[in-house]
Structures are given as structure tokens and as C-alpha cells.
């Protein structure tokens, strides 16, 4: 799903214009596992949606197949798990018992991914179609986080922060490219790591207090977010060295882009409202389960299907799918 990335110069721009009108996507409440009252989606592949379902005391990893009922993914002996990402081959990654895990298929037992010597608490956040995995590890004494990348059966590579920084972390389920490029942040600065593991700072605009890269597509286009010192901020796209600030939905003051597909369509949230940006940068609000409650679009696949979270009733988030 991802490919090469070259960043050279910086140009700030605000995308204007629009696109032809399209029919509104259809929202589907994916529900929860039996006996649970909360659920959330983290990624959507061609086979379905992955995320988690919970009671107040227990969290379980879930796969929602297209047109089927929720399937509980097996945890490790720890008893709890979350599913963070799914690739085109149906392989799922996530976390169980503070360990990064991989499920070869939704019905398989989890395999624990190896941990670096000092970063013992790990989570797998993204997987590409080649089976490369990216995630994060926490140091048990300093509590500092470092981004990680697993390839084949080798120990994970620790992806460093920028010089002088203390922490690094990867973004969302779309943070890993097909060429093993990983996007994320270093002490609050958006960065990417090339296939060799070297860290590169993404261009910033004047006045930003913080930035983070969340996802990258096959063409090396990255999306993420920035914050302003006095509050507020917005979604941003990096492409061939250009920085493009994506517009908020009307009446909102903050947005974040969480995912982008190979067609250049991005999704995220604008002050608690799920939003989709087309390839030209025009923002459209996605339908809600309830007009008064918040939502967030977390991932988009190559068919334009979107997964995220919405609330049918107050304080009861549910995983949802938006279908074009």
C-alpha cells in the first residue's frame, strides 16, 4: 500500500476548491462483542475492520468481517488484547498483555513479537502487505517510548528520535509504507524513518507548537496534524516537500488526519466530527449515528471504505463502518 518518499523543500499552501457532489456514505454500527457495551475500530482492510470491544474491566481484540458478526481474536495468557491493524493478506497485529502480537488470521492464536532488550512493553501499530510491522516500545525504568520496526524473524530495529530528542513513536495503523518507510513523531515533531532506519524531520510551518505524522500512502504522501501554542490546530498533508494545511469543517477549530489511501483520500476528525478530505483537499463530514454525539474516522481502504468510532448514545462509543 505504500512506496517511496522524497522530501526536499518546504512550501505552505491551503487547498481550495472542491469536487463533484457524491452520494453520502452509509454508516453501519458494528456493535460490540456479546455482553460488552463499548467498541472502537482502528483499521479497515479489504476483508473487514479490526479494533476492540470492552466492558469496564476487560478489553478484547475484535475482527468485524464484511457482512458478518464480530469475531473475538484470541489473547495471550494475559487475557486481554487490542487489534490495531490488518494488511491485505488478512494478517492482524496489535497488543496482548503489554506485548506486541500478530495473528496470522482472525481465527489463529497470537504470536508474540520479539522485544528489544530494554523496551519490554511493546505494541504493534501497523503492518504492510510484506509482513513488516511497526510499533512502539516503552522503557520500564525511564518510561520513554521508542518507535520499533519488525522485519521477518529478526529482532526489531529501534527507530531513533531526532538528535537531541528523547522519544520517538509511530503514528496510526497506516504509519508503515510498503517500502518500510515509517511515519510518526520525535518529541512532538513530525518525522519519517527511511528503509535504513534513519530519521528525517518533516517540514514545519511557522507557529506550530507540535506536529505528528499518522499515515503514509504508496506514493509517499503523508498525513497528520499540528497544534498551535494557544490551542487549536489542524490536519496537514506532506507531499513532495510541500506542506498543505487541510481545512476544518465549518464551525470547528481543530482537526486531525488519521489515514490516507493510495487515491489521496484522507480521513480523520474535525472537533469531534468524522471527516473525509478528497484528493483535492475538500472536507466533507461523514454521517453520524446521533446528531449530537462525537465521531472519529480512523482508517480508509483502497475501496474508499472508512472505519472509525461513533456514539449511538451518550458515553457509549461503537465501532462503525462508512461505505461509499
Protein backbone atom coordinates (compact mmCIF):
# COMPACT_ATOMS: atom_id res chain seq x y z
CA UNK A 1 0.00 0.00 0.00
CA UNK A 2 2.96 2.38 0.42
CA UNK A 3 6.03 3.28 -1.57
CA UNK A 4 8.95 5.70 -1.96
CA UNK A 5 9.27 9.01 -0.14
CA UNK A 6 11.35 12.04 -1.07
CA UNK A 7 11.17 15.29 0.88
CA UNK A 8 13.32 18.20 -0.25
CA UNK A 9 11.83 21.68 0.18
CA UNK A 10 9.03 23.35 2.10
CA UNK A 11 6.07 25.22 0.70
CA UNK A 12 2.99 26.10 2.75
CA UNK A 13 -0.33 26.00 0.98
CA UNK A 14 -4.03 25.88 1.77
CA UNK A 15 -6.03 23.73 -0.60
CA UNK A 16 -9.05 25.41 -2.08
CA UNK A 17 -11.66 24.27 -4.49
CA UNK A 18 -13.95 21.33 -4.35
CA UNK A 19 -15.02 18.23 -6.16
CA UNK A 20 -18.18 16.97 -7.83
CA UNK A 21 -21.00 16.11 -5.45
CA UNK A 22 -21.15 12.49 -4.35
CA UNK A 23 -23.76 10.44 -2.56
CA UNK A 24 -23.30 10.43 1.21
CA UNK A 25 -21.64 7.29 2.59
CA UNK A 26 -23.78 4.85 4.55
CA UNK A 27 -22.82 4.43 8.21
CA UNK A 28 -23.14 1.00 9.86
CA UNK A 29 -22.94 0.42 13.60
CA UNK A 30 -20.67 -2.63 14.02
CA UNK A 31 -21.78 -3.17 17.59
CA UNK A 32 -19.81 -4.99 20.31
CA UNK A 33 -18.97 -8.48 21.44
CA UNK A 34 -21.81 -10.11 23.43
CA UNK A 35 -22.03 -8.63 26.92
CA UNK A 36 -19.87 -5.59 26.04
CA UNK A 37 -21.08 -2.02 25.78
CA UNK A 38 -18.13 -0.23 24.10
CA UNK A 39 -16.17 -0.84 20.91
CA UNK A 40 -13.85 1.04 18.61
CA UNK A 41 -12.26 0.50 15.20
CA UNK A 42 -8.57 1.04 14.45
CA UNK A 43 -8.17 -0.14 10.84
CA UNK A 44 -10.06 -1.38 7.81
CA UNK A 45 -8.76 -3.79 5.20
CA UNK A 46 -10.45 -5.40 2.22
CA UNK A 47 -11.68 -8.28 4.42
CA UNK A 48 -13.11 -6.21 7.26
CA UNK A 49 -12.48 -4.00 10.27
CA UNK A 50 -10.27 -4.58 13.33
CA UNK A 51 -10.37 -2.92 16.72
CA UNK A 52 -11.54 -3.80 20.21
CA UNK A 53 -14.62 -4.30 22.36
CA UNK A 54 -14.82 -3.88 26.11
CA UNK A 55 -16.61 -4.00 29.41
CA UNK A 56 -15.49 -1.62 32.18
CA UNK A 57 -12.87 -4.19 33.26
CA UNK A 58 -11.86 -6.17 30.15
CA UNK A 59 -10.72 -5.34 26.60
CA UNK A 60 -10.82 -7.87 23.75
CA UNK A 61 -9.44 -7.66 20.21
CA UNK A 62 -12.11 -7.90 17.52
CA UNK A 63 -12.40 -8.55 13.79
CA UNK A 64 -15.61 -7.49 12.04
CA UNK A 65 -15.72 -9.36 8.70
CA UNK A 66 -17.57 -7.81 5.79
CA UNK A 67 -21.21 -8.68 6.27
CA UNK A 68 -20.54 -10.84 9.33
CA UNK A 69 -20.74 -10.78 13.11
CA UNK A 70 -17.88 -9.68 15.37
CA UNK A 71 -15.15 -12.28 15.92
CA UNK A 72 -13.09 -12.25 19.13
CA UNK A 73 -9.35 -12.61 18.47
CA UNK A 74 -7.57 -14.90 20.90
CA UNK A 75 -5.47 -13.12 23.54
CA UNK A 76 -2.29 -14.40 25.15
CA UNK A 77 -2.42 -15.82 28.66
CA UNK A 78 -2.77 -12.23 29.91
CA UNK A 79 -6.40 -12.40 28.85
CA UNK A 80 -6.81 -9.03 27.15
CA UNK A 81 -5.93 -7.73 23.71
CA UNK A 82 -6.48 -4.98 21.12
CA UNK A 83 -6.23 -5.26 17.33
CA UNK A 84 -4.51 -2.24 15.78
CA UNK A 85 -4.07 -3.01 12.06
CA UNK A 86 -4.81 -5.51 9.29
CA UNK A 87 -2.96 -5.95 6.00
CA UNK A 88 -4.14 -7.08 2.57
CA UNK A 89 -3.43 -10.71 3.42
CA UNK A 90 -5.67 -10.69 6.49
CA UNK A 91 -2.79 -10.67 8.99
CA UNK A 92 -3.66 -8.67 12.11
CA UNK A 93 -1.32 -7.02 14.63
CA UNK A 94 -1.88 -5.38 17.98
CA UNK A 95 -1.17 -5.93 21.65
CA UNK A 96 -1.98 -8.51 24.32
CA UNK A 97 -0.68 -8.40 27.86
CA UNK A 98 1.67 -5.47 27.16
CA UNK A 99 3.30 -7.41 24.31
CA UNK A 100 3.15 -6.76 20.58
CA UNK A 101 1.38 -9.66 18.85
CA UNK A 102 0.47 -10.87 15.39
CA UNK A 103 -2.48 -13.04 14.34
CA UNK A 104 -1.82 -14.92 11.07
CA UNK A 105 -5.59 -14.85 10.56
CA UNK A 106 -8.51 -13.71 12.74
CA UNK A 107 -9.03 -17.30 13.94
CA UNK A 108 -5.38 -18.03 14.74
CA UNK A 109 -3.64 -17.98 18.10
CA UNK A 110 -1.47 -14.87 18.63
CA UNK A 111 2.29 -14.90 18.12
CA UNK A 112 4.27 -12.64 20.45
CA UNK A 113 6.72 -10.41 18.59
CA UNK A 114 10.24 -10.25 19.98
CA UNK A 115 11.16 -7.26 22.14
CA UNK A 116 14.35 -5.21 22.24
CA UNK A 117 16.44 -5.80 25.35
CA UNK A 118 15.27 -2.71 27.23
CA UNK A 119 11.94 -1.82 25.62
CA UNK A 120 9.89 -4.57 27.24
CA UNK A 121 6.36 -3.14 26.94
CA UNK A 122 5.51 -3.17 23.22
CA UNK A 123 2.58 -2.63 20.86
CA UNK A 124 2.33 -3.32 17.11
CA UNK A 125 0.53 -0.44 15.40
CA UNK A 126 0.86 -1.09 11.65
CA UNK A 127 1.60 -3.91 9.18
CA UNK A 128 2.23 -3.79 5.43
CA UNK A 129 1.48 -6.46 2.84
CA UNK A 130 5.06 -7.77 3.05
CA UNK A 131 4.56 -8.56 6.73
CA UNK A 132 6.80 -5.79 8.06
CA UNK A 133 5.42 -4.41 11.33
CA UNK A 134 5.86 -1.04 13.04
CA UNK A 135 5.00 -0.13 16.61
CA UNK A 136 6.28 1.27 19.87
CA UNK A 137 8.21 0.09 22.92
CA UNK A 138 8.36 1.59 26.41
CA UNK A 139 11.43 1.53 28.64
CA UNK A 140 10.40 0.04 32.01
CA UNK A 141 12.56 2.43 34.06
CA UNK A 142 12.65 5.72 32.14
CA UNK A 143 9.12 5.26 30.69
CA UNK A 144 10.40 6.73 27.45
CA UNK A 145 8.93 5.45 24.19
CA UNK A 146 10.81 4.46 21.04
CA UNK A 147 9.43 3.56 17.64
CA UNK A 148 10.14 -0.01 16.51
CA UNK A 149 10.11 -1.90 13.21
CA UNK A 150 9.98 -5.70 12.90
CA UNK A 151 11.16 -7.40 9.68
CA UNK A 152 10.98 -11.17 9.12
CA UNK A 153 12.16 -13.08 12.20
CA UNK A 154 14.92 -10.65 13.13
CA UNK A 155 14.83 -8.66 16.40
CA UNK A 156 13.07 -5.33 15.97
CA UNK A 157 15.01 -2.26 14.93
CA UNK A 158 14.75 0.66 17.35
CA UNK A 159 13.93 3.78 15.31
CA UNK A 160 15.73 6.74 16.89
CA UNK A 161 14.40 10.21 17.66
CA UNK A 162 15.93 13.30 16.09
CA UNK A 163 19.32 14.34 17.52
CA UNK A 164 18.86 15.83 20.97
CA UNK A 165 15.36 14.38 21.39
CA UNK A 166 14.35 11.76 23.96
CA UNK A 167 11.39 9.86 22.49
CA UNK A 168 10.05 8.59 19.20
CA UNK A 169 6.77 6.88 18.30
CA UNK A 170 4.88 5.75 15.22
CA UNK A 171 1.51 7.10 14.19
CA UNK A 172 -1.58 5.05 13.38
CA UNK A 173 -2.49 1.86 11.51
CA UNK A 174 -1.33 3.47 8.24
CA UNK A 175 2.08 4.53 9.59
CA UNK A 176 4.07 1.88 7.70
CA UNK A 177 4.72 2.03 3.96
CA UNK A 178 5.18 -0.87 1.56
CA UNK A 179 8.85 0.18 1.21
CA UNK A 180 9.28 0.02 5.02
CA UNK A 181 9.16 3.81 5.45
CA UNK A 182 7.59 4.60 8.84
CA UNK A 183 6.00 7.90 9.92
CA UNK A 184 5.45 9.27 13.41
CA UNK A 185 6.94 11.87 15.72
CA UNK A 186 10.07 12.72 17.70
CA UNK A 187 9.39 14.73 20.86
CA UNK A 188 6.35 16.26 19.19
CA UNK A 189 7.91 16.89 15.78
CA UNK A 190 6.60 15.02 12.72
CA UNK A 191 9.21 12.70 11.23
CA UNK A 192 9.70 9.72 8.95
CA UNK A 193 12.22 6.89 9.07
CA UNK A 194 13.60 5.60 5.77
CA UNK A 195 14.06 1.91 4.95
CA UNK A 196 17.53 2.01 6.51
CA UNK A 197 16.16 3.33 9.82
CA UNK A 198 17.49 6.90 9.57
CA UNK A 199 15.18 9.58 10.96
CA UNK A 200 14.18 12.68 8.92
CA UNK A 201 12.32 15.76 10.10
CA UNK A 202 9.21 16.64 8.08
CA UNK A 203 8.82 20.30 7.05
CA UNK A 204 7.07 22.54 9.57
CA UNK A 205 5.21 25.81 9.16
CA UNK A 206 5.96 28.86 11.31
CA UNK A 207 3.96 29.00 14.52
CA UNK A 208 3.42 25.28 15.04
CA UNK A 209 3.90 24.13 18.62
CA UNK A 210 3.70 20.42 17.82
CA UNK A 211 3.19 18.11 14.86
CA UNK A 212 2.74 14.40 14.22
CA UNK A 213 2.65 12.21 11.11
CA UNK A 214 -0.01 9.48 11.24
CA UNK A 215 -0.09 7.68 7.90
CA UNK A 216 1.61 7.36 4.51
CA UNK A 217 0.30 6.00 1.20
CA UNK A 218 2.00 4.13 -1.65
CA UNK A 219 3.01 7.39 -3.30
CA UNK A 220 4.79 8.77 -0.24
CA UNK A 221 2.02 11.24 0.65
CA UNK A 222 1.84 11.68 4.43
CA UNK A 223 -0.99 13.00 6.59
CA UNK A 224 -1.03 14.05 10.21
CA UNK A 225 -1.74 17.03 12.43
CA UNK A 226 -0.27 20.11 14.05
CA UNK A 227 -1.08 22.08 17.21
CA UNK A 228 -0.82 25.82 17.84
CA UNK A 229 0.64 27.33 21.05
CA UNK A 230 -2.62 28.93 22.18
CA UNK A 231 -4.83 25.97 21.32
CA UNK A 232 -6.38 24.72 18.13
CA UNK A 233 -4.54 23.23 15.22
CA UNK A 234 -5.34 21.22 12.16
CA UNK A 235 -4.87 18.39 9.74
CA UNK A 236 -1.89 18.53 7.41
CA UNK A 237 -0.59 16.75 4.34
CA UNK A 238 3.04 16.46 3.25
CA UNK A 239 3.70 15.74 -0.44
CA UNK A 240 7.00 16.12 -2.33
CA UNK A 241 8.25 18.66 0.20
CA UNK A 242 5.04 20.73 0.20
CA UNK A 243 3.08 21.30 3.39
CA UNK A 244 -0.67 21.56 2.85
CA UNK A 245 -2.98 22.57 5.69
CA UNK A 246 -6.31 20.78 5.21
CA UNK A 247 -9.46 22.77 6.04
CA UNK A 248 -11.61 22.22 9.12
CA UNK A 249 -15.28 21.52 8.88
CA UNK A 250 -17.34 24.73 9.27
CA UNK A 251 -17.70 25.82 12.88
CA UNK A 252 -14.74 23.80 14.18
CA UNK A 253 -11.26 24.91 15.27
CA UNK A 254 -9.17 21.73 15.29
CA UNK A 255 -8.75 18.73 13.01
CA UNK A 256 -6.52 15.69 12.57
CA UNK A 257 -5.94 13.45 9.54
CA UNK A 258 -5.52 9.84 10.64
CA UNK A 259 -5.30 7.86 7.40
CA UNK A 260 -4.85 8.22 3.63
CA UNK A 261 -5.36 5.74 0.79
CA UNK A 262 -3.48 5.47 -2.49
CA UNK A 263 -6.07 7.65 -4.26
CA UNK A 264 -5.13 10.51 -1.93
CA UNK A 265 -8.39 10.49 0.05
CA UNK A 266 -7.77 11.18 3.74
CA UNK A 267 -9.99 10.75 6.80
CA UNK A 268 -9.92 11.92 10.39
CA UNK A 269 -11.83 14.21 12.71
CA UNK A 270 -12.64 17.90 12.96
CA UNK A 271 -13.51 18.91 16.54
CA UNK A 272 -15.18 15.57 17.21
CA UNK A 273 -16.85 15.21 13.81
CA UNK A 274 -15.73 12.46 11.44
CA UNK A 275 -14.41 13.97 8.22
CA UNK A 276 -13.16 12.91 4.79
CA UNK A 277 -10.86 15.04 2.60
CA UNK A 278 -10.92 14.25 -1.11
CA UNK A 279 -7.73 14.24 -3.19
CA UNK A 280 -8.20 17.96 -3.88
CA UNK A 281 -8.41 18.71 -0.15
CA UNK A 282 -12.14 19.49 0.13
CA UNK A 283 -13.60 18.43 3.50
CA UNK A 284 -16.90 16.55 3.89
CA UNK A 285 -18.49 15.46 7.15
CA UNK A 286 -19.28 11.76 7.40
CA UNK A 287 -22.73 10.69 8.66
CA UNK A 288 -23.33 10.17 12.40
CA UNK A 289 -25.23 7.64 14.44
CA UNK A 290 -26.52 10.54 16.52
CA UNK A 291 -26.57 14.21 15.55
CA UNK A 292 -25.37 15.38 18.96
CA UNK A 293 -22.51 12.96 19.69
CA UNK A 294 -18.89 12.84 18.50
CA UNK A 295 -17.17 10.62 16.00
CA UNK A 296 -13.73 9.98 14.50
CA UNK A 297 -12.73 8.33 11.22
CA UNK A 298 -9.59 6.28 11.86
CA UNK A 299 -8.78 4.44 8.61
CA UNK A 300 -9.66 4.22 4.92
CA UNK A 301 -9.02 1.36 2.50
CA UNK A 302 -8.47 1.29 -1.27
CA UNK A 303 -12.21 0.89 -1.94
CA UNK A 304 -12.87 4.12 -0.07
CA UNK A 305 -14.50 2.32 2.86
CA UNK A 306 -13.85 4.02 6.19
CA UNK A 307 -13.75 2.70 9.75
CA UNK A 308 -13.85 4.63 12.99
CA UNK A 309 -15.84 5.33 16.11
CA UNK A 310 -19.21 6.96 16.65
CA UNK A 311 -21.65 7.18 19.55
CA UNK A 312 -25.24 5.93 19.30
CA UNK A 313 -25.91 7.18 22.84
CA UNK A 314 -24.01 9.34 25.30
CA UNK A 315 -20.72 7.81 26.56
CA UNK A 316 -21.17 4.62 24.55
CA UNK A 317 -18.74 4.61 21.65
CA UNK A 318 -19.20 1.97 18.96
CA UNK A 319 -17.04 0.86 16.06
CA UNK A 320 -18.58 1.92 12.74
CA UNK A 321 -18.02 1.46 9.01
CA UNK A 322 -18.80 4.04 6.36
CA UNK A 323 -19.47 2.55 2.91
CA UNK A 324 -19.46 4.75 -0.23
